[in-house]
């Protein structure tokens, strides 16, 4: 949670990537590549080594997932085909912007699990132009194309994967980012509860909007 922000500060992560999901309040994210506005129905990813700052206008809170060793990518769609789940066209990069200011700035860095700070006499957001595909991005959950079971059985949660961070072994992930958006959850003339299973990955669920059918209590 955050109540106020510092106007002359920046941060970058030398260890890994951040996936940020606001729950309450809108985040105004400034990066070396430009600006993004990220609301509670969206998420953003800021990769390793990219300087950024976050401004808020109201008390805000949310979730941050950090991964090391690889980057987030779209999951392999397999038999789903070319279209479904999160489509590449719906991921947005920052709007181009820079500032040319010679004022004191504090840059905070995370390196090998420790925080370091440095002072400089100009804005870190003075990058006039850039090219390539290593850039922060955001995604609106309303654009997720839900795939579900309509005949029988309970589909694995992986069918709701937005982004995955692949591990070293094929078929495993360092982390999966999954959402359960509004959808029809029906089977033909029957109710099939989830089968008994054990996960090889730990699960952490955060409720952004509405109610989740597997956890109705407040």
Protein backbone atom coordinates (compact mmCIF):
# COMPACT_ATOMS: atom_id res chain seq x y z
CA UNK A 1 0.00 0.00 0.00
CA UNK A 2 1.11 3.57 -0.64
CA UNK A 3 -0.32 6.92 0.46
CA UNK A 4 2.04 9.40 -1.23
CA UNK A 5 4.97 9.31 -3.67
CA UNK A 6 8.29 11.10 -4.15
CA UNK A 7 8.39 13.33 -7.22
CA UNK A 8 12.18 13.26 -7.68
CA UNK A 9 12.88 9.57 -7.19
CA UNK A 10 13.24 6.53 -9.44
CA UNK A 11 13.72 2.80 -8.95
CA UNK A 12 15.07 -0.13 -10.94
CA UNK A 13 15.40 -3.84 -10.24
CA UNK A 14 18.68 -5.51 -11.21
CA UNK A 15 17.48 -8.91 -9.97
CA UNK A 16 14.39 -9.59 -12.05
CA UNK A 17 11.07 -8.41 -13.48
CA UNK A 18 8.11 -6.85 -11.67
CA UNK A 19 4.49 -7.70 -12.50
CA UNK A 20 2.27 -5.10 -10.82
CA UNK A 21 -1.48 -5.42 -10.26
CA UNK A 22 -3.23 -2.44 -8.63
CA UNK A 23 -6.24 -3.34 -6.48
CA UNK A 24 -7.29 0.11 -5.31
CA UNK A 25 -6.27 3.37 -6.94
CA UNK A 26 -4.76 4.15 -10.32
CA UNK A 27 -1.01 4.01 -10.87
CA UNK A 28 0.67 6.65 -13.04
CA UNK A 29 3.88 4.92 -14.11
CA UNK A 30 6.79 6.82 -15.62
CA UNK A 31 9.55 4.78 -17.27
CA UNK A 32 12.60 5.48 -19.39
CA UNK A 33 10.47 4.59 -22.44
CA UNK A 34 7.48 6.77 -21.57
CA UNK A 35 4.35 6.78 -19.41
CA UNK A 36 1.58 4.29 -18.60
CA UNK A 37 -1.63 4.66 -16.60
CA UNK A 38 -2.57 1.38 -14.92
CA UNK A 39 -5.96 0.92 -13.24
CA UNK A 40 -7.37 -1.86 -11.03
CA UNK A 41 -8.64 -3.75 -14.11
CA UNK A 42 -5.12 -3.84 -15.58
CA UNK A 43 -1.60 -5.07 -14.89
CA UNK A 44 1.83 -3.96 -16.02
CA UNK A 45 5.26 -5.54 -16.32
CA UNK A 46 8.48 -3.61 -15.80
CA UNK A 47 11.51 -5.63 -16.79
CA UNK A 48 14.89 -5.98 -15.17
CA UNK A 49 17.08 -2.89 -15.32
CA UNK A 50 14.43 -0.38 -16.44
CA UNK A 51 14.13 2.75 -14.32
CA UNK A 52 10.65 3.83 -13.32
CA UNK A 53 8.60 5.76 -10.79
CA UNK A 54 4.97 5.47 -9.69
CA UNK A 55 2.68 8.37 -8.79
CA UNK A 56 -0.70 8.05 -7.07
CA UNK A 57 -3.41 10.63 -6.38
CA UNK A 58 -5.28 8.64 -3.72
CA UNK A 59 -4.18 6.02 -1.16
CA UNK A 60 -3.52 2.90 -3.25
CA UNK A 61 -2.70 -0.76 -2.82
CA UNK A 62 -2.10 -3.81 -4.95
CA UNK A 63 0.17 -6.76 -5.64
CA UNK A 64 3.71 -7.11 -6.98
CA UNK A 65 5.11 -10.38 -8.33
CA UNK A 66 8.88 -10.56 -8.86
CA UNK A 67 10.56 -13.23 -10.97
CA UNK A 68 14.24 -14.03 -11.50
CA UNK A 69 16.07 -15.94 -14.20
CA UNK A 70 13.70 -15.32 -17.09
CA UNK A 71 11.04 -12.97 -18.45
CA UNK A 72 7.27 -13.21 -18.73
CA UNK A 73 5.96 -14.50 -22.06
CA UNK A 74 2.62 -15.55 -23.49
CA UNK A 75 1.78 -19.21 -22.82
CA UNK A 76 1.90 -21.79 -25.61
CA UNK A 77 -1.68 -22.01 -26.89
CA UNK A 78 -1.29 -25.57 -28.25
CA UNK A 79 -4.58 -26.88 -29.72
CA UNK A 80 -6.36 -23.59 -28.89
CA UNK A 81 -4.77 -22.19 -32.04
CA UNK A 82 -3.87 -18.65 -33.02
CA UNK A 83 -6.49 -16.77 -31.00
CA UNK A 84 -7.46 -17.10 -27.36
CA UNK A 85 -6.49 -16.19 -23.81
CA UNK A 86 -4.34 -13.02 -23.92
CA UNK A 87 -3.74 -11.85 -27.48
CA UNK A 88 -0.47 -10.05 -28.34
CA UNK A 89 -2.34 -7.13 -29.92
CA UNK A 90 -3.82 -6.12 -26.56
CA UNK A 91 -0.50 -5.50 -24.77
CA UNK A 92 0.35 -1.81 -24.79
CA UNK A 93 3.77 -0.16 -24.46
CA UNK A 94 4.26 3.26 -22.83
CA UNK A 95 3.25 6.48 -24.52
CA UNK A 96 6.44 8.23 -25.65
CA UNK A 97 7.53 10.94 -23.22
CA UNK A 98 10.72 12.40 -21.77
CA UNK A 99 11.81 15.29 -19.58
CA UNK A 100 14.94 17.43 -19.75
CA UNK A 101 15.48 18.58 -16.19
CA UNK A 102 18.70 19.27 -14.35
CA UNK A 103 17.49 18.75 -10.78
CA UNK A 104 18.64 16.42 -7.98
CA UNK A 105 17.28 12.89 -8.37
CA UNK A 106 17.56 9.88 -6.09
CA UNK A 107 17.76 6.53 -7.90
CA UNK A 108 17.07 3.45 -5.80
CA UNK A 109 18.31 0.07 -7.05
CA UNK A 110 17.63 -3.50 -5.96
CA UNK A 111 20.69 -5.73 -6.50
CA UNK A 112 21.10 -9.27 -5.13
CA UNK A 113 18.27 -8.72 -2.68
CA UNK A 114 19.66 -5.48 -1.23
CA UNK A 115 18.75 -1.84 -1.82
CA UNK A 116 21.23 0.82 -2.92
CA UNK A 117 20.71 4.51 -3.61
CA UNK A 118 22.56 7.00 -5.77
CA UNK A 119 22.26 10.73 -6.36
CA UNK A 120 22.39 12.39 -9.76
CA UNK A 121 21.88 15.93 -11.00
CA UNK A 122 19.42 15.23 -13.82
CA UNK A 123 16.24 13.31 -14.49
CA UNK A 124 16.66 9.59 -15.34
CA UNK A 125 13.69 9.93 -17.69
CA UNK A 126 15.58 11.89 -20.36
CA UNK A 127 15.61 9.13 -23.00
CA UNK A 128 14.43 10.84 -26.19
CA UNK A 129 14.08 7.74 -28.39
CA UNK A 130 14.43 3.96 -28.21
CA UNK A 131 13.85 0.94 -30.41
CA UNK A 132 13.55 -2.80 -29.91
CA UNK A 133 11.07 -4.94 -28.01
CA UNK A 134 12.53 -4.78 -24.49
CA UNK A 135 10.02 -2.34 -23.05
CA UNK A 136 7.49 -2.19 -20.21
CA UNK A 137 3.91 -3.01 -21.10
CA UNK A 138 0.41 -3.17 -19.67
CA UNK A 139 -2.66 -5.32 -20.26
CA UNK A 140 -6.38 -4.85 -19.61
CA UNK A 141 -8.07 -7.93 -18.16
CA UNK A 142 -11.27 -7.16 -20.10
CA UNK A 143 -9.44 -8.21 -23.28
CA UNK A 144 -8.84 -11.77 -22.03
CA UNK A 145 -10.49 -14.38 -24.29
CA UNK A 146 -11.81 -16.99 -21.86
CA UNK A 147 -11.64 -20.68 -22.80
CA UNK A 148 -13.65 -23.06 -20.62
CA UNK A 149 -15.11 -26.55 -20.37
CA UNK A 150 -18.75 -26.80 -21.53
CA UNK A 151 -19.28 -30.58 -21.64
CA UNK A 152 -17.76 -32.20 -18.55
CA UNK A 153 -14.83 -32.12 -16.10
CA UNK A 154 -13.15 -29.18 -14.44
CA UNK A 155 -10.55 -27.49 -16.64
CA UNK A 156 -7.07 -26.99 -15.21
CA UNK A 157 -6.40 -23.44 -13.96
CA UNK A 158 -3.65 -23.14 -16.58
CA UNK A 159 -6.37 -22.47 -19.14
CA UNK A 160 -6.68 -19.00 -17.57
CA UNK A 161 -2.97 -18.11 -17.90
CA UNK A 162 -2.24 -14.55 -19.02
CA UNK A 163 1.56 -14.69 -18.77
CA UNK A 164 4.08 -17.33 -17.79
CA UNK A 165 7.73 -17.16 -16.81
CA UNK A 166 9.26 -20.41 -18.14
CA UNK A 167 11.60 -22.48 -15.99
CA UNK A 168 14.70 -24.36 -17.07
CA UNK A 169 12.80 -27.63 -17.49
CA UNK A 170 10.29 -27.95 -20.33
CA UNK A 171 6.71 -27.78 -19.10
CA UNK A 172 7.51 -26.06 -15.80
CA UNK A 173 7.28 -22.38 -14.91
CA UNK A 174 8.96 -20.13 -12.42
CA UNK A 175 5.59 -18.37 -12.11
CA UNK A 176 2.24 -18.28 -13.89
CA UNK A 177 -0.01 -15.23 -13.78
CA UNK A 178 -3.62 -16.43 -14.02
CA UNK A 179 -6.92 -14.55 -13.88
CA UNK A 180 -10.51 -15.73 -13.43
CA UNK A 181 -12.56 -13.08 -15.24
CA UNK A 182 -16.37 -13.01 -15.60
CA UNK A 183 -17.44 -16.02 -17.65
CA UNK A 184 -20.00 -18.79 -18.03
CA UNK A 185 -18.93 -21.86 -16.02
CA UNK A 186 -21.38 -24.59 -17.07
CA UNK A 187 -21.34 -28.27 -18.00
CA UNK A 188 -23.91 -30.34 -19.82
CA UNK A 189 -26.67 -31.53 -17.40
CA UNK A 190 -24.27 -32.01 -14.49
CA UNK A 191 -22.03 -30.35 -11.93
CA UNK A 192 -18.42 -31.51 -11.85
CA UNK A 193 -16.49 -30.29 -8.80
CA UNK A 194 -12.70 -30.00 -9.08
CA UNK A 195 -11.00 -33.37 -8.73
CA UNK A 196 -8.68 -34.04 -5.82
CA UNK A 197 -5.23 -32.88 -6.79
CA UNK A 198 -1.93 -31.65 -5.49
CA UNK A 199 0.00 -28.75 -6.92
CA UNK A 200 3.73 -28.68 -7.48
CA UNK A 201 3.46 -24.86 -7.39
CA UNK A 202 2.26 -22.65 -4.56
CA UNK A 203 -0.86 -20.61 -5.25
CA UNK A 204 -1.60 -17.06 -4.13
CA UNK A 205 -4.99 -15.55 -4.96
CA UNK A 206 -5.93 -11.89 -4.80
CA UNK A 207 -9.49 -10.63 -5.36
CA UNK A 208 -9.68 -7.43 -7.41
CA UNK A 209 -13.37 -7.28 -8.38
CA UNK A 210 -16.53 -9.29 -7.71
CA UNK A 211 -16.67 -12.73 -6.11
CA UNK A 212 -14.70 -15.89 -6.78
CA UNK A 213 -16.89 -18.99 -6.92
CA UNK A 214 -14.39 -21.20 -5.10
CA UNK A 215 -14.13 -18.76 -2.18
CA UNK A 216 -17.44 -17.05 -1.54
CA UNK A 217 -16.72 -15.84 1.99
CA UNK A 218 -15.61 -12.26 2.48
